[in-house]
Structures are given as C-alpha cells and as structure tokens.
Amino acid sequence: MNNINMVDWKNSEVLITGGTGTLGKALTKKLLTDYKPKGLRLFSRDEYKQWVFKNELDLGGYKDAPVAFLLGDMRDSDRIDRATQGVDIIFHTAAMKQIPSCEDHPQEAIKTNIMGAINLIEAAINNDVNVMMNVSTDKAAYPINLYGMTKGVAEKVFLHGNIYSGGRLRSSCCRYGNVLNSRGSVIPLFKEQYKKDGKITITHKDMTRFFIRIEDVVQFIIRNIERTTGNEVFIPKMRSAFIQDIAELIAPKEDIIDVGIRKGEKLHECLLTIEESKCVEDYAGMYVLSSTKKEKSIDEITMGYYSNDNSYWWSKEKLQKIINENYFV
C-alpha cells in the first residue's frame, strides 16, 4: 500500500459529480476547509439543490471560495466531457440510489449508473485527469437488486479505466455501507414515521446493516484518493447494527411492526465476497481489494465480510447519541 501523498491539492482542479447530494456536500466543505483546492466544480442535475447549497456555502463562510456549480446529467457525454476539461481529481458520487426506484425504472438506472460511469471514465481519459475515485456500495457485492447490479458494473468500468488510459489515470473505488442520518436512511425515516403515524415499520426483526458516519466516509475517501495507485477497491471496516435496535431507540417495541422483507432487499449486507477475498489485503481500519495482487491459495482464503458476522458493532449508547443529535445530511 502506497502511503505517499500523491495529491497537490492547492494546485488541483477538483470535480465532484453529485455535488449537491449528501456525500458531495460533505466532501465540498471538508475540501474547502482543510485542503483548499485551486478550484472545485460541483456537477449535478438539480438546479434547486444547487441554489440551496450555494446559499448554504455563502452563509457558512465560503462565499469567496473557488466553487463553480455545473448543471448537467451523467447521461450527457458531451456535458461530462466539458465538465472534466482541465480537471485533475474527480470524486464520482452521482447515482440513482433508491432501490425501489431502480427496480421500477431499470432503464433509467442503467443509463445513469452504468452509462454515466462510462461517460465519465472516457471523459477523464480524454482530458488527462490524474486520479479518480468512484463511490460504490455494499450492495455491489453479491447483488440481488438492480441498484447493486448497476453499481457492481460501474466498479468494473472504473477499474478497467486504468488499462484504457495506459496508466495515465489512477482510477479506483471506495465501497461502504449506510451513512447514519443521511437523506432517506433509517434514522430520519423512522423518526418521520413515528411522528406521523405513531408506528415504525421494519422488514425483518433480525436484519443487520453496516453503518458509518458521514465525516468518517469523507476522510476515508480523501485519504485513499491520496494513496491510490489505481485499480483498488477500498473497503472500510465498518460497525454493524440491528435495524430492530435502531427502531427501539426511537419508539416502544409495541409500536414497531414487522412487514416482511421487500423486493430486492437482503437480510444482511456483504462488503467483501468470499471469492474477492482471494485478492484482498487487510490493513488497519480497512480492506484493499485489487486484481493486480497475487491471488491467495485456497488454504489462505478467508470468509467474506458480512454485517451479521462482524467484529465491530455500534453500541446502543452511541446510536442513541446520534439519534438525539437530530441532524440530517
């Protein structure tokens, strides 16, 4: 693993796709505060969210920061090509992420999550981008829903970009689980449900998930875009939690209703498959998966990394503190 800082932030032009989403906004603030890039471009397709975030940055002390808002769609290859001209570093966070939406509109998910990834990698190669990090998901490992399938394909696209570029582009992925208190996640969802209906619905009493805080995700992604040599999938060692436990910290047990697992939903999530573990290295705080690594023998292969079979768990006390913070990102 390369521990040398290979990024000259103050002389770099940075592009964040999905720049007005949960992760894009958190990355923006962290970069502006601690890394101070020469320029920062935020690419997204929602003009209202861009207006809201611009005002948020202005009021938050970033009024004179070198930030440009670019309106466009990942499906538009010409717009993506223009957005990447003169860019040194790319964080790719844009995607269709809601599982039901992807299931109901498969063509749209494919256009955004797969064709959008192809558009971006080709633009990055054509415009001599130095380094790029694709943000992936635990649902890309053993995918059973279309969202996970499209993100799994996107991972392959970004990793193969290292070959297409002839080594000029360092392209890698970060794969992680659920972000606590993020838009559409279980804590704000359960709070809203209980406030509105006096009930919370869960899909299985034994369901587990990986969870991480947004600030930890941001630091993990930035740290690994600095050290990547290309063709890696960086996987943080995350804490697990039972969905039932989170629900019970918000509402009494008698107000929690088990409605059954939904279409495209797993009982437990996987961040690293058994088959992938042939090519993984175990580091402090993370796993690094790379097809360029020498494969382990069958006797050296470890089991996969699952949310129900984890050494790290969120305590109810820490979860309660996060719930009480009452912030949503």
Protein backbone atom coordinates (compact mmCIF):
# COMPACT_ATOMS: atom_id res chain seq x y z
CA MET A 1 0.00 0.00 0.00
CA ASN A 2 1.35 3.39 -1.05
CA ASN A 3 1.37 5.81 1.89
CA ILE A 4 2.90 8.75 -0.02
CA ASN A 5 0.66 11.78 -0.54
CA MET A 6 0.41 11.91 -4.32
CA VAL A 7 -2.04 14.85 -4.49
CA ASP A 8 -1.05 18.52 -4.65
CA TRP A 9 -4.43 19.86 -3.52
CA LYS A 10 -3.62 23.57 -3.68
CA ASN A 11 -2.71 23.29 -7.35
CA SER A 12 -5.53 20.90 -8.28
CA GLU A 13 -8.85 21.43 -10.01
CA VAL A 14 -11.42 19.08 -8.44
CA LEU A 15 -14.73 17.82 -9.82
CA ILE A 16 -17.43 16.23 -7.66
CA THR A 17 -20.28 14.59 -9.54
CA GLY A 18 -23.47 14.52 -7.49
CA GLY A 19 -22.03 17.57 -5.76
CA THR A 20 -25.31 18.59 -4.12
CA GLY A 21 -26.03 15.19 -2.56
CA THR A 22 -25.24 14.13 1.00
CA LEU A 23 -21.69 12.99 0.28
CA GLY A 24 -20.97 15.67 -2.30
CA LYS A 25 -21.84 18.45 0.13
CA ALA A 26 -19.79 16.92 2.94
CA LEU A 27 -16.79 16.45 0.64
CA THR A 28 -17.10 20.04 -0.55
CA LYS A 29 -17.00 21.51 2.95
CA LYS A 30 -14.11 19.28 4.02
CA LEU A 31 -12.05 20.11 0.93
CA LEU A 32 -12.68 23.85 1.22
CA THR A 33 -11.86 23.87 4.93
CA ASP A 34 -8.82 21.61 5.15
CA TYR A 35 -7.40 21.05 1.64
CA LYS A 36 -8.15 24.32 -0.23
CA PRO A 37 -8.00 23.15 -3.86
CA LYS A 38 -7.32 25.67 -6.64
CA GLY A 39 -10.86 25.12 -7.95
CA LEU A 40 -13.86 22.98 -7.09
CA ARG A 41 -16.60 22.07 -9.60
CA LEU A 42 -19.91 20.67 -8.35
CA PHE A 43 -21.79 18.78 -11.06
CA SER A 44 -25.45 17.81 -10.59
CA ARG A 45 -28.76 17.89 -12.43
CA ASP A 46 -31.00 19.57 -9.82
CA GLU A 47 -30.93 23.37 -10.19
CA TYR A 48 -32.89 23.90 -6.97
CA LYS A 49 -30.43 21.87 -4.88
CA GLN A 50 -27.59 23.84 -6.45
CA TRP A 51 -29.25 27.13 -5.46
CA VAL A 52 -29.86 25.89 -1.90
CA PHE A 53 -26.30 24.64 -1.48
CA LYS A 54 -24.80 27.82 -2.94
CA ASN A 55 -26.69 29.83 -0.36
CA GLU A 56 -25.60 27.41 2.36
CA LEU A 57 -21.95 27.86 1.37
CA ASP A 58 -22.30 31.65 1.21
CA LEU A 59 -23.85 31.81 4.67
CA GLY A 60 -21.34 29.29 6.03
CA GLY A 61 -18.31 31.44 5.33
CA TYR A 62 -17.40 30.05 1.88
CA LYS A 63 -18.72 32.98 -0.17
CA ASP A 64 -15.37 33.69 -1.82
CA ALA A 65 -14.34 30.05 -2.21
CA PRO A 66 -13.39 28.94 -5.76
CA VAL A 67 -16.56 26.87 -6.30
CA ALA A 68 -18.36 26.50 -9.65
CA PHE A 69 -21.80 24.89 -9.95
CA LEU A 70 -22.23 22.91 -13.19
CA LEU A 71 -25.73 21.87 -14.22
CA GLY A 72 -25.86 18.66 -16.22
CA ASP A 73 -26.67 14.96 -16.38
CA MET A 74 -24.33 11.96 -16.19
CA ARG A 75 -26.09 10.60 -19.30
CA ASP A 76 -24.94 13.54 -21.42
CA SER A 77 -21.47 12.59 -22.66
CA ASP A 78 -20.79 15.99 -24.23
CA ARG A 79 -21.62 17.81 -21.00
CA ILE A 80 -19.48 15.39 -18.98
CA ASP A 81 -16.58 15.90 -21.38
CA ARG A 82 -16.82 19.69 -20.98
CA ALA A 83 -17.09 19.42 -17.18
CA THR A 84 -13.87 17.39 -16.94
CA GLN A 85 -11.69 19.64 -19.11
CA GLY A 86 -8.82 20.97 -17.02
CA VAL A 87 -9.71 18.74 -14.05
CA ASP A 88 -7.04 16.92 -12.04
CA ILE A 89 -9.13 14.97 -9.49
CA ILE A 90 -12.64 13.50 -9.69
CA PHE A 91 -14.91 12.22 -6.93
CA HIS A 92 -17.80 10.33 -8.54
CA THR A 93 -20.77 10.29 -6.15
CA ALA A 94 -23.67 10.76 -8.62
CA ALA A 95 -26.08 7.83 -8.97
CA MET A 96 -29.65 6.64 -8.77
CA LYS A 97 -29.53 5.16 -5.26
CA GLN A 98 -33.06 4.29 -4.16
CA ILE A 99 -33.61 0.54 -4.54
CA PRO A 100 -37.38 0.76 -5.32
CA SER A 101 -36.77 3.47 -7.95
CA CYS A 102 -34.14 1.36 -9.66
CA GLU A 103 -36.41 -1.70 -9.57
CA ASP A 104 -39.33 0.25 -11.05
CA HIS A 105 -37.26 2.14 -13.66
CA PRO A 106 -34.46 -0.23 -14.71
CA GLN A 107 -33.64 1.55 -17.97
CA GLU A 108 -33.16 4.84 -16.13
CA ALA A 109 -30.90 3.25 -13.50
CA ILE A 110 -28.77 1.68 -16.24
CA LYS A 111 -28.46 4.97 -18.11
CA THR A 112 -27.37 6.88 -15.01
CA ASN A 113 -25.31 4.34 -13.05
CA ILE A 114 -23.66 2.42 -15.90
CA MET A 115 -23.73 4.66 -18.97
CA GLY A 116 -22.95 7.65 -16.76
CA ALA A 117 -19.89 5.81 -15.42
CA ILE A 118 -18.75 5.03 -18.98
CA ASN A 119 -19.21 8.68 -19.99
CA LEU A 120 -17.15 9.84 -17.03
CA ILE A 121 -14.27 7.39 -17.42
CA GLU A 122 -13.97 8.17 -21.14
CA ALA A 123 -14.02 11.91 -20.47
CA ALA A 124 -11.43 11.53 -17.72
CA ILE A 125 -9.09 9.63 -20.04
CA ASN A 126 -9.62 12.05 -22.94
CA ASN A 127 -8.97 15.08 -20.73
CA ASP A 128 -5.91 13.71 -18.90
CA VAL A 129 -7.42 13.59 -15.41
CA ASN A 130 -4.85 12.37 -12.89
CA VAL A 131 -6.87 10.47 -10.30
CA MET A 132 -10.50 9.45 -9.81
CA MET A 133 -12.43 7.78 -7.01
CA ASN A 134 -15.76 6.10 -7.68
CA VAL A 135 -18.09 5.84 -4.70
CA SER A 136 -19.65 2.38 -4.57
CA THR A 137 -21.87 0.45 -2.15
CA ASP A 138 -22.06 -2.78 -0.19
CA LYS A 139 -24.97 -3.69 -2.46
CA ALA A 140 -22.50 -4.17 -5.33
CA ALA A 141 -21.23 -7.33 -3.57
CA TYR A 142 -23.49 -10.33 -4.27
CA PRO A 143 -26.11 -8.00 -5.81
CA ILE A 144 -29.74 -9.10 -5.70
CA ASN A 145 -31.30 -5.80 -6.80
CA LEU A 146 -30.76 -3.65 -9.87
CA TYR A 147 -29.14 -0.85 -7.90
CA GLY A 148 -26.43 -3.22 -6.65
CA MET A 149 -26.01 -4.72 -10.12
CA THR A 150 -25.50 -1.34 -11.76
CA LYS A 151 -23.01 -0.26 -9.10
CA GLY A 152 -21.14 -3.54 -9.48
CA VAL A 153 -20.83 -2.93 -13.23
CA ALA A 154 -19.73 0.65 -12.54
CA GLU A 155 -16.93 -0.67 -10.33
CA LYS A 156 -15.67 -2.80 -13.23
CA VAL A 157 -15.84 0.20 -15.58
CA PHE A 158 -13.77 2.41 -13.29
CA LEU A 159 -11.18 -0.25 -12.56
CA HIS A 160 -10.80 -1.10 -16.24
CA GLY A 161 -10.18 2.59 -16.92
CA ASN A 162 -6.64 2.06 -15.66
CA ILE A 163 -6.00 -0.21 -18.65
CA TYR A 164 -7.69 2.07 -21.19
CA SER A 165 -5.67 5.07 -20.01
CA GLY A 166 -2.35 3.26 -20.31
CA GLY A 167 -1.52 4.10 -16.73
CA ARG A 168 -2.06 7.87 -17.12
CA LEU A 169 -5.19 7.79 -14.93
CA ARG A 170 -5.30 6.29 -11.42
CA SER A 171 -8.89 5.11 -11.10
CA SER A 172 -10.22 3.29 -8.01
CA CYS A 173 -13.34 2.74 -5.92
CA CYS A 174 -14.49 3.09 -2.32
CA ARG A 175 -17.16 0.60 -1.26
CA TYR A 176 -19.05 1.14 2.00
CA GLY A 177 -22.45 0.70 3.66
CA ASN A 178 -25.14 3.01 5.03
CA VAL A 179 -24.41 6.55 6.21
CA LEU A 180 -26.04 7.37 9.54
CA ASN A 181 -28.54 10.22 9.35
CA SER A 182 -28.18 10.55 5.58
CA ARG A 183 -31.14 11.52 3.45
CA GLY A 184 -33.53 8.55 3.14
CA SER A 185 -31.72 6.39 5.71
CA VAL A 186 -33.39 4.56 8.58
CA ILE A 187 -33.00 7.11 11.40
CA PRO A 188 -34.72 10.07 9.70
CA LEU A 189 -37.18 7.65 8.10
CA PHE A 190 -38.12 6.04 11.42
CA LYS A 191 -38.39 9.43 13.12
CA GLU A 192 -40.72 10.73 10.44
CA GLN A 193 -42.81 7.56 10.50
CA TYR A 194 -43.23 7.67 14.26
CA LYS A 195 -44.03 11.37 14.28
CA LYS A 196 -46.65 10.97 11.56
CA ASP A 197 -48.24 7.59 12.33
CA GLY A 198 -47.16 6.64 15.85
CA LYS A 199 -45.74 3.44 14.33
CA ILE A 200 -42.46 2.27 12.77
CA THR A 201 -42.28 -0.43 10.10
CA ILE A 202 -39.25 -2.71 9.78
CA THR A 203 -38.86 -5.50 7.25
CA HIS A 204 -37.32 -8.19 9.50
CA LYS A 205 -36.52 -8.32 13.21
CA ASP A 206 -33.09 -9.92 12.61
CA MET A 207 -31.95 -7.61 9.79
CA THR A 208 -28.46 -6.09 10.11
CA ARG A 209 -26.65 -3.36 8.20
CA PHE A 210 -23.25 -1.70 8.08
CA PHE A 211 -23.33 1.93 9.26
CA ILE A 212 -20.79 4.75 9.18
CA ARG A 213 -20.84 8.47 9.98
CA ILE A 214 -20.56 10.95 7.12
CA GLU A 215 -17.40 12.56 8.48
CA ASP A 216 -15.68 9.16 8.58
CA VAL A 217 -16.73 8.43 4.99
CA VAL A 218 -15.36 11.76 3.78
CA GLN A 219 -12.00 11.27 5.48
CA PHE A 220 -11.77 7.69 4.21
CA ILE A 221 -12.38 8.71 0.59
CA ILE A 222 -9.95 11.64 0.66
CA ARG A 223 -7.26 9.60 2.40
CA ASN A 224 -7.46 6.89 -0.24
CA ILE A 225 -7.59 9.20 -3.24
CA GLU A 226 -4.24 10.45 -1.93
CA ARG A 227 -2.69 6.99 -1.68
CA THR A 228 -4.27 5.09 -4.58
CA THR A 229 -2.06 3.74 -7.34
CA GLY A 230 -5.14 2.74 -9.37
CA ASN A 231 -7.23 -0.43 -9.70
CA GLU A 232 -8.10 -0.75 -6.00
CA VAL A 233 -11.38 -1.09 -4.14
CA PHE A 234 -11.02 0.42 -0.66
CA ILE A 235 -13.40 -1.01 1.95
CA PRO A 236 -13.58 0.49 5.46
CA LYS A 237 -14.03 -1.77 8.47
CA MET A 238 -17.48 -0.60 9.49
CA ARG A 239 -19.64 -1.16 12.51
CA SER A 240 -22.85 -3.16 12.23
CA ALA A 241 -26.22 -2.65 13.89
CA PHE A 242 -29.56 -4.43 14.08
CA ILE A 243 -32.32 -2.41 12.42
CA GLN A 244 -34.64 -3.56 15.22
CA ASP A 245 -32.29 -1.97 17.81
CA ILE A 246 -32.35 1.38 16.00
CA ALA A 247 -36.15 1.28 15.82
CA GLU A 248 -36.43 0.52 19.53
CA LEU A 249 -34.30 3.57 20.36
CA ILE A 250 -36.91 5.72 18.63
CA ALA A 251 -40.19 4.03 19.57
CA PRO A 252 -41.51 1.47 22.10
CA LYS A 253 -41.33 -2.14 20.96
CA GLU A 254 -45.13 -2.40 20.73
CA ASP A 255 -45.16 0.40 18.13
CA ILE A 256 -42.76 -1.43 15.78
CA ILE A 257 -44.35 -3.52 13.03
CA ASP A 258 -42.54 -6.23 11.06
CA VAL A 259 -43.86 -6.03 7.47
CA GLY A 260 -41.55 -8.56 5.77
CA ILE A 261 -38.52 -8.20 3.51
CA ARG A 262 -39.14 -6.09 0.43
CA LYS A 263 -38.31 -6.90 -3.18
CA GLY A 264 -34.56 -6.57 -3.77
CA GLU A 265 -33.68 -6.42 -0.07
CA LYS A 266 -31.17 -8.63 1.78
CA LEU A 267 -31.41 -9.79 5.39
CA HIS A 268 -27.69 -8.99 5.85
CA GLU A 269 -25.28 -6.97 3.72
CA CYS A 270 -21.88 -8.00 2.37
CA LEU A 271 -18.91 -5.68 1.80
CA LEU A 272 -16.44 -8.31 0.64
CA THR A 273 -17.37 -11.59 -1.03
CA ILE A 274 -15.68 -14.92 -0.33
CA GLU A 275 -14.43 -15.02 -3.92
CA GLU A 276 -12.96 -11.50 -3.70
CA SER A 277 -11.04 -12.37 -0.55
CA LYS A 278 -8.51 -14.16 -2.77
CA CYS A 279 -7.20 -10.74 -3.80
CA VAL A 280 -7.61 -8.66 -0.64
CA GLU A 281 -5.09 -7.19 1.78
CA ASP A 282 -6.02 -6.48 5.40
CA TYR A 283 -4.83 -3.10 6.72
CA ALA A 284 -5.60 -1.17 9.90
CA GLY A 285 -9.13 0.13 9.51
CA MET A 286 -9.75 -1.19 6.00
CA TYR A 287 -9.51 -3.91 3.38
CA VAL A 288 -7.97 -3.20 -0.03
CA LEU A 289 -9.13 -5.31 -2.95
CA SER A 290 -7.02 -5.35 -6.13
CA SER A 291 -7.00 -7.70 -9.09
CA THR A 292 -3.30 -6.89 -9.55
CA LYS A 293 -2.49 -8.60 -6.25
CA LYS A 294 -1.25 -12.18 -6.30
CA GLU A 295 -4.18 -14.43 -5.53
CA LYS A 296 -4.09 -16.34 -2.27
CA SER A 297 -4.16 -20.12 -2.30
CA ILE A 298 -7.38 -21.90 -1.37
CA ASP A 299 -5.99 -22.52 2.14
CA GLU A 300 -5.41 -18.78 2.68
CA ILE A 301 -8.86 -17.62 1.61
CA THR A 302 -10.84 -16.04 4.40
CA MET A 303 -14.60 -15.75 4.59
CA GLY A 304 -16.44 -12.71 3.26
CA TYR A 305 -17.25 -9.61 5.29
CA TYR A 306 -20.92 -9.60 6.35
CA SER A 307 -22.94 -7.23 8.53
CA ASN A 308 -24.17 -10.07 10.77
CA ASP A 309 -20.73 -11.65 11.21
CA ASN A 310 -18.70 -8.63 12.20
CA SER A 311 -16.16 -7.85 14.93
CA TYR A 312 -17.34 -4.24 15.15
CA TRP A 313 -20.82 -3.21 16.35
CA TRP A 314 -22.50 0.06 17.19
CA SER A 315 -23.43 0.23 20.87
CA LYS A 316 -26.96 1.32 21.72
CA GLU A 317 -25.47 4.23 23.67
CA LYS A 318 -23.63 5.59 20.62
CA LEU A 319 -26.64 5.06 18.40
CA GLN A 320 -28.86 6.89 20.89
CA LYS A 321 -26.45 9.82 20.89
CA ILE A 322 -26.54 10.02 17.10
CA ILE A 323 -30.35 9.81 17.12
CA ASN A 324 -30.52 12.61 19.70
CA GLU A 325 -28.24 14.85 17.62
CA ASN A 326 -31.20 15.32 15.32
CA TYR A 327 -29.20 16.37 12.26
CA PHE A 328 -29.77 15.06 8.78
CA VAL A 329 -27.27 15.26 5.92
